[in-house]
Amino acid sequence: MTLSVLYRPVCACLLALALVLSASAAAPRDFDPLAAGIEENISYPAVPQKHREKVSAAMHSLERTLRELGYKTTRVRSGEVVLVTIPCSSLFAPNSIELKTKASGVLSQLLPYIRRSDNYKVIVAVHADNTGDAEYSDRLTADRANAVDEFFFSRNGNKDTGIIPYGLGADEPVAPNTGVRNRAANRRVELYFVPTSTFIDKTRNR
């Protein structure tokens, strides 16, 4: 048997194997948001290219509504995710992990949107400045993120909201840790509103 005759079945087998591997790689994987890092959570689920314009427009509407309520907002991930930023001083006393009494007024207006877990995956990320050691900052921000999560849980009738909390310590400053104003900017609570697959589907059909 000549080499050219042998080559054809080998090629066919390799092509079939490549197609199987390609299909496997393209298949959606199980995604556990509680086991994922924050960047992975912000990125998932991805919006198909052909639906990005509609999803971005819908998230712009959400951003505008939240800004009209008095929140500092911006959009990330090419406009597909709305980010709300709240100074830690508006919610917590220095070095405290208990929400201030007035924090209820700051957070309560977000509850109707956090309850829409069919539309939005909500990520709470708490940041610190670089005062104190890393272990203390990590613990403080984690406890504060859990306090915000617990606030929405209790205000939602002790029903899970699906919030994913992160305490990020001093790892992600938005300003140099020099001076009172810059450190205050770094001490912040961020809430990311990420469109869910359900929301993407609904937006596509509008």
N, C-alpha and C. Protein backbone atom coordinates (compact mmCIF):
# COMPACT_ATOMS: atom_id res chain seq x y z
N MET A 1 0.86 -1.19 0.00
CA MET A 1 0.00 0.00 0.00
C MET A 1 0.89 1.24 0.00
N THR A 2 0.59 2.17 -0.81
CA THR A 2 1.44 3.35 -0.93
C THR A 2 1.17 4.32 0.20
N LEU A 3 2.11 5.21 0.39
CA LEU A 3 2.00 6.23 1.44
C LEU A 3 0.81 7.14 1.20
N SER A 4 0.50 7.48 -0.07
CA SER A 4 -0.61 8.39 -0.37
C SER A 4 -1.94 7.78 0.02
N VAL A 5 -2.08 6.46 -0.08
CA VAL A 5 -3.32 5.80 0.30
C VAL A 5 -3.49 5.82 1.81
N LEU A 6 -2.40 5.60 2.54
CA LEU A 6 -2.44 5.65 4.00
C LEU A 6 -2.76 7.05 4.49
N TYR A 7 -2.33 8.05 3.78
CA TYR A 7 -2.44 9.44 4.22
C TYR A 7 -3.89 9.88 4.35
N ARG A 8 -4.74 9.40 3.41
CA ARG A 8 -6.12 9.85 3.39
C ARG A 8 -6.90 9.48 4.65
N PRO A 9 -6.88 8.19 5.10
CA PRO A 9 -7.61 7.86 6.33
C PRO A 9 -7.04 8.55 7.56
N VAL A 10 -5.72 8.73 7.61
CA VAL A 10 -5.11 9.43 8.75
C VAL A 10 -5.60 10.85 8.81
N CYS A 11 -5.63 11.50 7.63
CA CYS A 11 -6.12 12.88 7.56
C CYS A 11 -7.57 12.98 8.01
N ALA A 12 -8.38 12.03 7.55
CA ALA A 12 -9.80 12.04 7.91
C ALA A 12 -9.98 11.90 9.41
N CYS A 13 -9.17 11.01 10.02
CA CYS A 13 -9.25 10.82 11.48
C CYS A 13 -8.85 12.09 12.22
N LEU A 14 -7.79 12.72 11.75
CA LEU A 14 -7.33 13.95 12.40
C LEU A 14 -8.36 15.06 12.27
N LEU A 15 -9.00 15.15 11.11
CA LEU A 15 -10.02 16.17 10.89
C LEU A 15 -11.21 15.93 11.81
N ALA A 16 -11.63 14.67 11.93
CA ALA A 16 -12.75 14.34 12.82
C ALA A 16 -12.42 14.69 14.26
N LEU A 17 -11.17 14.37 14.67
CA LEU A 17 -10.75 14.67 16.03
C LEU A 17 -10.75 16.18 16.27
N ALA A 18 -10.29 16.94 15.28
CA ALA A 18 -10.25 18.40 15.41
C ALA A 18 -11.64 18.98 15.56
N LEU A 19 -12.60 18.40 14.82
CA LEU A 19 -13.98 18.89 14.91
C LEU A 19 -14.58 18.60 16.27
N VAL A 20 -14.28 17.42 16.82
CA VAL A 20 -14.78 17.07 18.16
C VAL A 20 -14.21 18.00 19.21
N LEU A 21 -12.88 18.22 19.13
CA LEU A 21 -12.23 19.11 20.10
C LEU A 21 -12.75 20.53 19.98
N SER A 22 -12.97 20.97 18.72
CA SER A 22 -13.50 22.31 18.50
C SER A 22 -14.88 22.45 19.09
N ALA A 23 -15.73 21.48 18.89
CA ALA A 23 -17.09 21.52 19.45
C ALA A 23 -17.05 21.52 20.96
N SER A 24 -16.12 20.73 21.52
CA SER A 24 -16.00 20.68 22.99
C SER A 24 -15.57 22.02 23.55
N ALA A 25 -14.61 22.67 22.86
CA ALA A 25 -14.11 23.97 23.34
C ALA A 25 -15.18 25.04 23.25
N ALA A 26 -16.06 24.91 22.23
CA ALA A 26 -17.08 25.93 22.04
C ALA A 26 -18.27 25.74 22.96
N ALA A 27 -18.43 24.55 23.51
CA ALA A 27 -19.58 24.26 24.37
C ALA A 27 -19.52 25.11 25.63
N PRO A 28 -20.66 25.61 26.09
CA PRO A 28 -20.64 26.43 27.30
C PRO A 28 -20.23 25.62 28.51
N ARG A 29 -19.40 26.19 29.33
CA ARG A 29 -18.96 25.49 30.53
C ARG A 29 -19.82 25.92 31.70
N ASP A 30 -19.88 25.09 32.72
CA ASP A 30 -20.58 25.46 33.94
C ASP A 30 -19.82 26.60 34.59
N PHE A 31 -20.55 27.63 34.99
CA PHE A 31 -19.91 28.81 35.59
C PHE A 31 -20.44 28.98 37.01
N ASP A 32 -19.56 28.95 37.98
CA ASP A 32 -19.94 29.15 39.37
C ASP A 32 -19.48 30.54 39.80
N PRO A 33 -20.41 31.51 39.89
CA PRO A 33 -20.00 32.88 40.22
C PRO A 33 -19.35 33.00 41.59
N LEU A 34 -19.75 32.15 42.53
CA LEU A 34 -19.19 32.23 43.88
C LEU A 34 -17.76 31.72 43.95
N ALA A 35 -17.36 30.93 42.95
CA ALA A 35 -16.00 30.40 42.92
C ALA A 35 -15.09 31.22 42.01
N ALA A 36 -15.67 32.16 41.27
CA ALA A 36 -14.91 32.93 40.29
C ALA A 36 -14.32 34.20 40.90
N GLY A 37 -13.26 34.69 40.28
CA GLY A 37 -12.69 35.97 40.69
C GLY A 37 -13.55 37.12 40.19
N ILE A 38 -13.29 38.31 40.69
CA ILE A 38 -14.15 39.44 40.36
C ILE A 38 -14.08 39.79 38.87
N GLU A 39 -12.89 39.76 38.27
CA GLU A 39 -12.79 40.11 36.86
C GLU A 39 -13.56 39.11 36.00
N GLU A 40 -13.49 37.84 36.37
CA GLU A 40 -14.21 36.81 35.62
C GLU A 40 -15.72 37.03 35.76
N ASN A 41 -16.17 37.41 36.96
CA ASN A 41 -17.59 37.66 37.18
C ASN A 41 -18.09 38.87 36.41
N ILE A 42 -17.27 39.92 36.37
CA ILE A 42 -17.66 41.11 35.61
C ILE A 42 -17.76 40.80 34.12
N SER A 43 -16.97 39.86 33.65
CA SER A 43 -16.91 39.54 32.23
C SER A 43 -17.96 38.53 31.78
N TYR A 44 -18.61 37.87 32.74
CA TYR A 44 -19.53 36.78 32.39
C TYR A 44 -20.95 37.11 32.82
N PRO A 45 -21.96 36.87 31.98
CA PRO A 45 -21.86 36.31 30.64
C PRO A 45 -21.49 37.36 29.59
N ALA A 46 -20.82 36.91 28.57
CA ALA A 46 -20.46 37.80 27.48
C ALA A 46 -21.68 38.09 26.62
N VAL A 47 -21.71 39.27 26.04
CA VAL A 47 -22.80 39.66 25.13
C VAL A 47 -22.36 39.37 23.70
N PRO A 48 -23.15 38.60 22.95
CA PRO A 48 -22.78 38.36 21.54
C PRO A 48 -22.62 39.68 20.79
N GLN A 49 -21.68 39.71 19.89
CA GLN A 49 -21.35 40.93 19.16
C GLN A 49 -22.59 41.58 18.54
N LYS A 50 -23.48 40.79 17.95
CA LYS A 50 -24.62 41.36 17.23
C LYS A 50 -25.67 41.96 18.16
N HIS A 51 -25.57 41.69 19.47
CA HIS A 51 -26.55 42.23 20.43
C HIS A 51 -25.97 43.33 21.31
N ARG A 52 -24.71 43.65 21.12
CA ARG A 52 -24.05 44.58 22.03
C ARG A 52 -24.65 45.98 22.01
N GLU A 53 -25.06 46.43 20.85
CA GLU A 53 -25.61 47.79 20.76
C GLU A 53 -26.89 47.92 21.58
N LYS A 54 -27.78 46.93 21.48
CA LYS A 54 -29.03 46.98 22.23
C LYS A 54 -28.81 46.84 23.73
N VAL A 55 -27.90 45.94 24.10
CA VAL A 55 -27.62 45.75 25.53
C VAL A 55 -26.98 47.01 26.11
N SER A 56 -26.05 47.59 25.39
CA SER A 56 -25.40 48.82 25.85
C SER A 56 -26.42 49.94 26.02
N ALA A 57 -27.36 50.05 25.09
CA ALA A 57 -28.39 51.09 25.20
C ALA A 57 -29.28 50.86 26.42
N ALA A 58 -29.62 49.60 26.68
CA ALA A 58 -30.45 49.28 27.84
C ALA A 58 -29.71 49.57 29.15
N MET A 59 -28.41 49.27 29.19
CA MET A 59 -27.63 49.53 30.40
C MET A 59 -27.39 51.03 30.58
N HIS A 60 -27.33 51.76 29.47
CA HIS A 60 -27.24 53.22 29.56
C HIS A 60 -28.49 53.78 30.23
N SER A 61 -29.63 53.21 29.93
CA SER A 61 -30.88 53.63 30.55
C SER A 61 -30.84 53.39 32.06
N LEU A 62 -30.32 52.22 32.46
CA LEU A 62 -30.17 51.93 33.89
C LEU A 62 -29.22 52.93 34.55
N GLU A 63 -28.10 53.20 33.89
CA GLU A 63 -27.14 54.15 34.44
C GLU A 63 -27.77 55.53 34.63
N ARG A 64 -28.51 55.97 33.65
CA ARG A 64 -29.15 57.29 33.74
C ARG A 64 -30.13 57.34 34.92
N THR A 65 -30.89 56.27 35.11
CA THR A 65 -31.84 56.21 36.22
C THR A 65 -31.12 56.28 37.56
N LEU A 66 -30.04 55.52 37.70
CA LEU A 66 -29.30 55.51 38.96
C LEU A 66 -28.60 56.85 39.21
N ARG A 67 -28.14 57.47 38.15
CA ARG A 67 -27.50 58.79 38.31
C ARG A 67 -28.53 59.82 38.75
N GLU A 68 -29.74 59.73 38.21
CA GLU A 68 -30.80 60.66 38.61
C GLU A 68 -31.20 60.46 40.09
N LEU A 69 -30.95 59.28 40.62
CA LEU A 69 -31.20 59.02 42.04
C LEU A 69 -30.09 59.56 42.93
N GLY A 70 -29.03 60.05 42.31
CA GLY A 70 -27.95 60.68 43.07
C GLY A 70 -26.68 59.86 43.19
N TYR A 71 -26.62 58.73 42.51
CA TYR A 71 -25.42 57.89 42.61
C TYR A 71 -24.36 58.29 41.60
N LYS A 72 -23.12 58.08 41.99
CA LYS A 72 -22.01 58.26 41.06
C LYS A 72 -21.92 57.00 40.20
N THR A 73 -22.08 57.15 38.91
CA THR A 73 -22.12 55.98 38.03
C THR A 73 -21.16 56.13 36.87
N THR A 74 -20.80 54.99 36.34
CA THR A 74 -20.06 54.92 35.08
C THR A 74 -20.37 53.57 34.47
N ARG A 75 -19.98 53.41 33.23
CA ARG A 75 -20.15 52.11 32.60
C ARG A 75 -18.79 51.53 32.22
N VAL A 76 -18.67 50.23 32.39
CA VAL A 76 -17.43 49.53 32.08
C VAL A 76 -17.77 48.39 31.11
N ARG A 77 -16.75 47.65 30.71
CA ARG A 77 -16.91 46.54 29.76
C ARG A 77 -17.62 47.02 28.50
N SER A 78 -17.06 48.07 27.91
CA SER A 78 -17.59 48.65 26.66
C SER A 78 -19.03 49.10 26.80
N GLY A 79 -19.40 49.57 27.99
CA GLY A 79 -20.73 50.10 28.21
C GLY A 79 -21.78 49.08 28.59
N GLU A 80 -21.39 47.81 28.74
CA GLU A 80 -22.35 46.74 29.01
C GLU A 80 -22.62 46.53 30.50
N VAL A 81 -21.80 47.10 31.36
CA VAL A 81 -21.93 46.93 32.81
C VAL A 81 -21.98 48.30 33.47
N VAL A 82 -22.93 48.48 34.39
CA VAL A 82 -23.05 49.74 35.12
C VAL A 82 -22.36 49.60 36.48
N LEU A 83 -21.52 50.58 36.78
CA LEU A 83 -20.79 50.61 38.04
C LEU A 83 -21.26 51.79 38.88
N VAL A 84 -21.69 51.50 40.10
CA VAL A 84 -22.06 52.52 41.09
C VAL A 84 -20.96 52.58 42.14
N THR A 85 -20.45 53.76 42.42
CA THR A 85 -19.39 53.92 43.41
C THR A 85 -19.89 54.79 44.56
N ILE A 86 -19.71 54.28 45.79
CA ILE A 86 -20.14 54.99 47.00
C ILE A 86 -18.94 55.10 47.94
N PRO A 87 -18.64 56.30 48.44
CA PRO A 87 -17.53 56.44 49.39
C PRO A 87 -17.80 55.61 50.65
N CYS A 88 -16.78 54.95 51.15
CA CYS A 88 -16.96 54.17 52.39
C CYS A 88 -17.44 55.05 53.53
N SER A 89 -17.05 56.33 53.53
CA SER A 89 -17.44 57.23 54.61
C SER A 89 -18.95 57.47 54.65
N SER A 90 -19.62 57.22 53.52
CA SER A 90 -21.08 57.38 53.49
C SER A 90 -21.79 56.20 54.15
N LEU A 91 -21.07 55.09 54.31
CA LEU A 91 -21.69 53.88 54.83
C LEU A 91 -21.11 53.40 56.16
N PHE A 92 -19.82 53.67 56.38
CA PHE A 92 -19.13 53.13 57.56
C PHE A 92 -18.35 54.22 58.29
N ALA A 93 -18.31 54.11 59.60
CA ALA A 93 -17.39 54.93 60.39
C ALA A 93 -15.98 54.38 60.19
N PRO A 94 -14.94 55.19 60.47
CA PRO A 94 -13.57 54.71 60.28
C PRO A 94 -13.32 53.39 61.02
N ASN A 95 -12.75 52.44 60.32
CA ASN A 95 -12.36 51.13 60.86
C ASN A 95 -13.54 50.28 61.33
N SER A 96 -14.76 50.70 61.02
CA SER A 96 -15.94 49.95 61.45
C SER A 96 -16.44 49.04 60.32
N ILE A 97 -17.04 47.93 60.74
CA ILE A 97 -17.64 47.03 59.77
C ILE A 97 -19.18 47.05 59.89
N GLU A 98 -19.69 47.92 60.74
CA GLU A 98 -21.14 48.06 60.89
C GLU A 98 -21.62 49.27 60.09
N LEU A 99 -22.69 49.08 59.36
CA LEU A 99 -23.24 50.18 58.58
C LEU A 99 -23.76 51.29 59.48
N LYS A 100 -23.50 52.52 59.08
CA LYS A 100 -24.07 53.66 59.80
C LYS A 100 -25.60 53.65 59.68
N THR A 101 -26.25 54.33 60.58
CA THR A 101 -27.71 54.44 60.51
C THR A 101 -28.13 55.08 59.19
N LYS A 102 -27.40 56.09 58.77
CA LYS A 102 -27.77 56.80 57.54
C LYS A 102 -27.47 55.99 56.28
N ALA A 103 -26.74 54.87 56.42
CA ALA A 103 -26.41 54.05 55.25
C ALA A 103 -27.67 53.49 54.61
N SER A 104 -28.71 53.29 55.41
CA SER A 104 -29.96 52.77 54.88
C SER A 104 -30.51 53.67 53.78
N GLY A 105 -30.45 54.98 54.02
CA GLY A 105 -30.94 55.93 53.02
C GLY A 105 -30.10 55.92 51.75
N VAL A 106 -28.81 55.63 51.90
CA VAL A 106 -27.91 55.61 50.74
C VAL A 106 -28.15 54.36 49.89
N LEU A 107 -28.37 53.22 50.55
CA LEU A 107 -28.46 51.95 49.83
C LEU A 107 -29.86 51.56 49.39
N SER A 108 -30.86 52.02 50.12
CA SER A 108 -32.22 51.52 49.89
C SER A 108 -32.73 51.75 48.47
N GLN A 109 -32.32 52.86 47.85
CA GLN A 109 -32.83 53.15 46.51
C GLN A 109 -32.30 52.18 45.46
N LEU A 110 -31.25 51.41 45.82
CA LEU A 110 -30.72 50.42 44.90
C LEU A 110 -31.48 49.10 44.96
N LEU A 111 -32.24 48.90 46.03
CA LEU A 111 -32.89 47.62 46.26
C LEU A 111 -33.78 47.15 45.10
N PRO A 112 -34.62 48.04 44.51
CA PRO A 112 -35.47 47.56 43.41
C PRO A 112 -34.67 46.96 42.25
N TYR A 113 -33.46 47.45 42.02
CA TYR A 113 -32.65 46.95 40.91
C TYR A 113 -31.88 45.70 41.33
N ILE A 114 -31.48 45.64 42.60
CA ILE A 114 -30.81 44.45 43.10
C ILE A 114 -31.77 43.27 43.15
N ARG A 115 -33.03 43.56 43.43
CA ARG A 115 -34.04 42.48 43.44
C ARG A 115 -34.24 41.86 42.05
N ARG A 116 -33.89 42.60 41.00
CA ARG A 116 -34.08 42.09 39.64
C ARG A 116 -32.93 41.15 39.26
N SER A 117 -32.81 40.07 40.01
CA SER A 117 -31.72 39.13 39.74
C SER A 117 -31.90 38.42 38.40
N ASP A 118 -33.12 38.50 37.84
CA ASP A 118 -33.31 37.96 36.49
C ASP A 118 -32.63 38.85 35.45
N ASN A 119 -32.51 40.14 35.78
CA ASN A 119 -31.90 41.09 34.84
C ASN A 119 -30.42 41.33 35.11
N TYR A 120 -30.05 41.41 36.39
CA TYR A 120 -28.70 41.83 36.73
C TYR A 120 -28.05 40.88 37.73
N LYS A 121 -26.80 40.56 37.46
CA LYS A 121 -25.94 39.95 38.47
C LYS A 121 -25.23 41.10 39.17
N VAL A 122 -25.34 41.17 40.50
CA VAL A 122 -24.78 42.31 41.24
C VAL A 122 -23.54 41.87 42.00
N ILE A 123 -22.46 42.59 41.77
CA ILE A 123 -21.18 42.33 42.45
C ILE A 123 -20.88 43.51 43.36
N VAL A 124 -20.59 43.24 44.62
CA VAL A 124 -20.21 44.28 45.58
C VAL A 124 -18.72 44.12 45.87
N ALA A 125 -17.96 45.16 45.59
CA ALA A 125 -16.52 45.15 45.84
C ALA A 125 -16.16 46.32 46.75
N VAL A 126 -15.51 46.02 47.87
CA VAL A 126 -15.12 47.07 48.83
C VAL A 126 -13.61 47.21 48.82
N HIS A 127 -13.17 48.46 48.80
CA HIS A 127 -11.74 48.79 48.69
C HIS A 127 -11.29 49.62 49.90
N ALA A 128 -10.00 49.57 50.16
CA ALA A 128 -9.40 50.36 51.24
C ALA A 128 -8.22 51.16 50.70
N ASP A 129 -7.74 52.10 51.52
CA ASP A 129 -6.46 52.73 51.18
C ASP A 129 -5.35 51.85 51.74
N ASN A 130 -4.11 52.33 51.69
CA ASN A 130 -3.00 51.48 52.12
C ASN A 130 -2.60 51.72 53.57
N THR A 131 -3.49 52.37 54.34
CA THR A 131 -3.22 52.54 55.77
C THR A 131 -3.40 51.20 56.47
N GLY A 132 -2.45 50.81 57.28
CA GLY A 132 -2.54 49.51 57.94
C GLY A 132 -1.97 48.41 57.07
N ASP A 133 -1.83 47.22 57.66
CA ASP A 133 -1.22 46.13 56.89
C ASP A 133 -2.24 45.46 55.99
N ALA A 134 -1.73 44.66 55.06
CA ALA A 134 -2.58 44.04 54.04
C ALA A 134 -3.60 43.10 54.66
N GLU A 135 -3.20 42.36 55.67
CA GLU A 135 -4.13 41.41 56.29
C GLU A 135 -5.33 42.14 56.90
N TYR A 136 -5.06 43.27 57.57
CA TYR A 136 -6.14 44.05 58.17
C TYR A 136 -7.07 44.62 57.09
N SER A 137 -6.49 45.16 56.02
CA SER A 137 -7.29 45.75 54.94
C SER A 137 -8.15 44.70 54.26
N ASP A 138 -7.58 43.52 54.06
CA ASP A 138 -8.34 42.44 53.42
C ASP A 138 -9.52 42.03 54.29
N ARG A 139 -9.28 41.89 55.59
CA ARG A 139 -10.35 41.48 56.50
C ARG A 139 -11.41 42.55 56.63
N LEU A 140 -10.98 43.82 56.74
CA LEU A 140 -11.92 44.93 56.88
C LEU A 140 -12.83 45.03 55.66
N THR A 141 -12.24 44.97 54.48
CA THR A 141 -13.05 45.12 53.27
C THR A 141 -13.96 43.91 53.04
N ALA A 142 -13.50 42.73 53.38
CA ALA A 142 -14.35 41.54 53.26
C ALA A 142 -15.55 41.64 54.20
N ASP A 143 -15.30 42.08 55.43
CA ASP A 143 -16.40 42.22 56.40
C ASP A 143 -17.38 43.32 55.97
N ARG A 144 -16.86 44.38 55.39
CA ARG A 144 -17.75 45.45 54.91
C ARG A 144 -18.58 44.99 53.72
N ALA A 145 -17.98 44.23 52.82
CA ALA A 145 -18.74 43.70 51.69
C ALA A 145 -19.86 42.78 52.17
N ASN A 146 -19.56 41.97 53.17
CA ASN A 146 -20.59 41.09 53.74
C ASN A 146 -21.69 41.89 54.44
N ALA A 147 -21.32 43.02 55.06
CA ALA A 147 -22.31 43.86 55.73
C ALA A 147 -23.29 44.45 54.71
N VAL A 148 -22.78 44.88 53.56
CA VAL A 148 -23.65 45.41 52.50
C VAL A 148 -24.55 44.29 51.97
N ASP A 149 -23.97 43.13 51.76
CA ASP A 149 -24.75 41.97 51.31
C ASP A 149 -25.87 41.66 52.31
N GLU A 150 -25.54 41.66 53.59
CA GLU A 150 -26.52 41.35 54.64
C GLU A 150 -27.62 42.41 54.69
N PHE A 151 -27.27 43.67 54.46
CA PHE A 151 -28.28 44.74 54.44
C PHE A 151 -29.34 44.44 53.37
N PHE A 152 -28.90 44.13 52.17
CA PHE A 152 -29.86 43.87 51.09
C PHE A 152 -30.62 42.57 51.33
N PHE A 153 -29.97 41.59 51.93
CA PHE A 153 -30.65 40.34 52.26
C PHE A 153 -31.79 40.59 53.23
N SER A 154 -31.52 41.37 54.28
CA SER A 154 -32.57 41.64 55.28
C SER A 154 -33.67 42.51 54.69
N ARG A 155 -33.31 43.49 53.86
CA ARG A 155 -34.32 44.35 53.25
C ARG A 155 -35.12 43.64 52.15
N ASN A 156 -34.63 42.50 51.76
CA ASN A 156 -35.33 41.70 50.74
C ASN A 156 -36.16 40.59 51.40
N GLY A 157 -36.53 40.81 52.66
CA GLY A 157 -37.35 39.83 53.36
C GLY A 157 -36.59 38.57 53.71
N ASN A 158 -35.26 38.71 54.00
CA ASN A 158 -34.40 37.57 54.30
C ASN A 158 -34.39 36.55 53.17
N LYS A 159 -34.45 37.07 51.95
CA LYS A 159 -34.34 36.23 50.76
C LYS A 159 -33.06 36.60 50.02
N ASP A 160 -32.40 35.59 49.52
CA ASP A 160 -31.13 35.80 48.84
C ASP A 160 -31.31 36.71 47.62
N THR A 161 -30.40 37.65 47.47
CA THR A 161 -30.43 38.56 46.32
C THR A 161 -29.47 38.12 45.22
N GLY A 162 -28.62 37.17 45.53
CA GLY A 162 -27.63 36.74 44.54
C GLY A 162 -26.40 37.63 44.48
N ILE A 163 -26.27 38.58 45.42
CA ILE A 163 -25.10 39.46 45.44
C ILE A 163 -23.84 38.62 45.64
N ILE A 164 -22.78 39.01 44.94
CA ILE A 164 -21.48 38.36 45.08
C ILE A 164 -20.53 39.38 45.72
N PRO A 165 -20.15 39.19 47.01
CA PRO A 165 -19.32 40.18 47.70
C PRO A 165 -17.82 39.88 47.59
N TYR A 166 -17.05 40.93 47.46
CA TYR A 166 -15.58 40.82 47.45
C TYR A 166 -14.99 41.90 48.35
N GLY A 167 -14.04 41.51 49.18
CA GLY A 167 -13.20 42.48 49.90
C GLY A 167 -11.84 42.49 49.23
N LEU A 168 -11.48 43.62 48.63
CA LEU A 168 -10.27 43.66 47.80
C LEU A 168 -9.11 44.39 48.47
N GLY A 169 -9.28 44.76 49.74
CA GLY A 169 -8.18 45.41 50.43
C GLY A 169 -7.73 46.68 49.73
N ALA A 170 -6.41 46.87 49.69
CA ALA A 170 -5.85 48.09 49.08
C ALA A 170 -5.24 47.80 47.71
N ASP A 171 -5.64 46.68 47.11
CA ASP A 171 -4.98 46.22 45.88
C ASP A 171 -5.33 47.03 44.63
N GLU A 172 -6.46 47.75 44.63
CA GLU A 172 -6.90 48.42 43.40
C GLU A 172 -7.21 49.90 43.65
N PRO A 173 -6.20 50.70 43.97
CA PRO A 173 -6.45 52.13 44.20
C PRO A 173 -6.85 52.84 42.91
N VAL A 174 -7.67 53.88 43.05
CA VAL A 174 -8.02 54.72 41.90
C VAL A 174 -7.22 56.02 41.91
N ALA A 175 -6.44 56.21 42.98
CA ALA A 175 -5.61 57.41 43.12
C ALA A 175 -4.38 57.03 43.93
N PRO A 176 -3.31 57.80 43.81
CA PRO A 176 -2.15 57.52 44.66
C PRO A 176 -2.54 57.65 46.13
N ASN A 177 -2.00 56.80 46.97
CA ASN A 177 -2.33 56.85 48.40
C ASN A 177 -1.53 57.94 49.10
N THR A 178 -1.71 59.16 48.61
CA THR A 178 -1.04 60.32 49.19
C THR A 178 -2.10 61.38 49.44
N GLY A 179 -2.15 61.91 50.64
CA GLY A 179 -3.10 62.98 50.94
C GLY A 179 -4.46 62.44 51.33
N VAL A 180 -5.19 63.26 52.07
CA VAL A 180 -6.49 62.87 52.62
C VAL A 180 -7.49 62.58 51.51
N ARG A 181 -7.54 63.45 50.50
CA ARG A 181 -8.55 63.30 49.45
C ARG A 181 -8.34 62.02 48.64
N ASN A 182 -7.09 61.74 48.29
CA ASN A 182 -6.81 60.54 47.50
C ASN A 182 -7.13 59.27 48.28
N ARG A 183 -6.75 59.25 49.55
CA ARG A 183 -7.04 58.05 50.35
C ARG A 183 -8.55 57.85 50.50
N ALA A 184 -9.27 58.94 50.65
CA ALA A 184 -10.73 58.84 50.76
C ALA A 184 -11.32 58.27 49.47
N ALA A 185 -10.75 58.66 48.32
CA ALA A 185 -11.24 58.14 47.04
C ALA A 185 -11.01 56.63 46.93
N ASN A 186 -9.91 56.18 47.50
CA ASN A 186 -9.60 54.75 47.44
C ASN A 186 -10.47 53.92 48.37
N ARG A 187 -10.97 54.52 49.44
CA ARG A 187 -11.87 53.80 50.35
C ARG A 187 -13.29 53.89 49.77
N ARG A 188 -13.71 52.87 49.07
CA ARG A 188 -14.96 52.95 48.32
C ARG A 188 -15.66 51.60 48.25
N VAL A 189 -16.97 51.69 48.03
CA VAL A 189 -17.80 50.51 47.78
C VAL A 189 -18.27 50.59 46.33
N GLU A 190 -18.03 49.55 45.57
CA GLU A 190 -18.44 49.50 44.17
C GLU A 190 -19.52 48.42 44.00
N LEU A 191 -20.56 48.76 43.26
CA LEU A 191 -21.60 47.80 42.91
C LEU A 191 -21.68 47.71 41.39
N TYR A 192 -21.40 46.54 40.88
CA TYR A 192 -21.44 46.29 39.44
C TYR A 192 -22.77 45.62 39.09
N PHE A 193 -23.47 46.18 38.13
CA PHE A 193 -24.70 45.58 37.61
C PHE A 193 -24.35 44.96 36.25
N VAL A 194 -24.28 43.63 36.25
CA VAL A 194 -23.88 42.88 35.06
C VAL A 194 -25.12 42.27 34.42
N PRO A 195 -25.37 42.50 33.13
CA PRO A 195 -26.56 41.93 32.50
C PRO A 195 -26.50 40.41 32.48
N THR A 196 -27.60 39.77 32.85
CA THR A 196 -27.67 38.31 32.83
C THR A 196 -28.00 37.80 31.43
N SER A 197 -27.90 36.50 31.24
CA SER A 197 -28.28 35.90 29.95
C SER A 197 -29.74 36.17 29.65
N THR A 198 -30.59 36.12 30.69
CA THR A 198 -32.01 36.40 30.51
C THR A 198 -32.23 37.83 30.02
N PHE A 199 -31.52 38.77 30.63
CA PHE A 199 -31.65 40.18 30.23
C PHE A 199 -31.17 40.38 28.80
N ILE A 200 -30.07 39.72 28.45
CA ILE A 200 -29.53 39.83 27.09
C ILE A 200 -30.56 39.31 26.08
N ASP A 201 -31.20 38.19 26.41
CA ASP A 201 -32.22 37.63 25.51
C ASP A 201 -33.41 38.56 25.38
N LYS A 202 -33.87 39.12 26.51
CA LYS A 202 -35.01 40.04 26.46
C LYS A 202 -34.67 41.28 25.65
N THR A 203 -33.49 41.80 25.83
CA THR A 203 -33.07 43.00 25.10
C THR A 203 -32.97 42.74 23.60
N ARG A 204 -32.49 41.55 23.26
CA ARG A 204 -32.35 41.17 21.85
C ARG A 204 -33.70 41.17 21.14
N ASN A 205 -34.74 40.78 21.88
CA ASN A 205 -36.06 40.64 21.27
C ASN A 205 -36.89 41.92 21.27
N ARG A 206 -36.33 43.01 21.79
CA ARG A 206 -37.09 44.26 21.81
C ARG A 206 -37.17 44.86 20.41
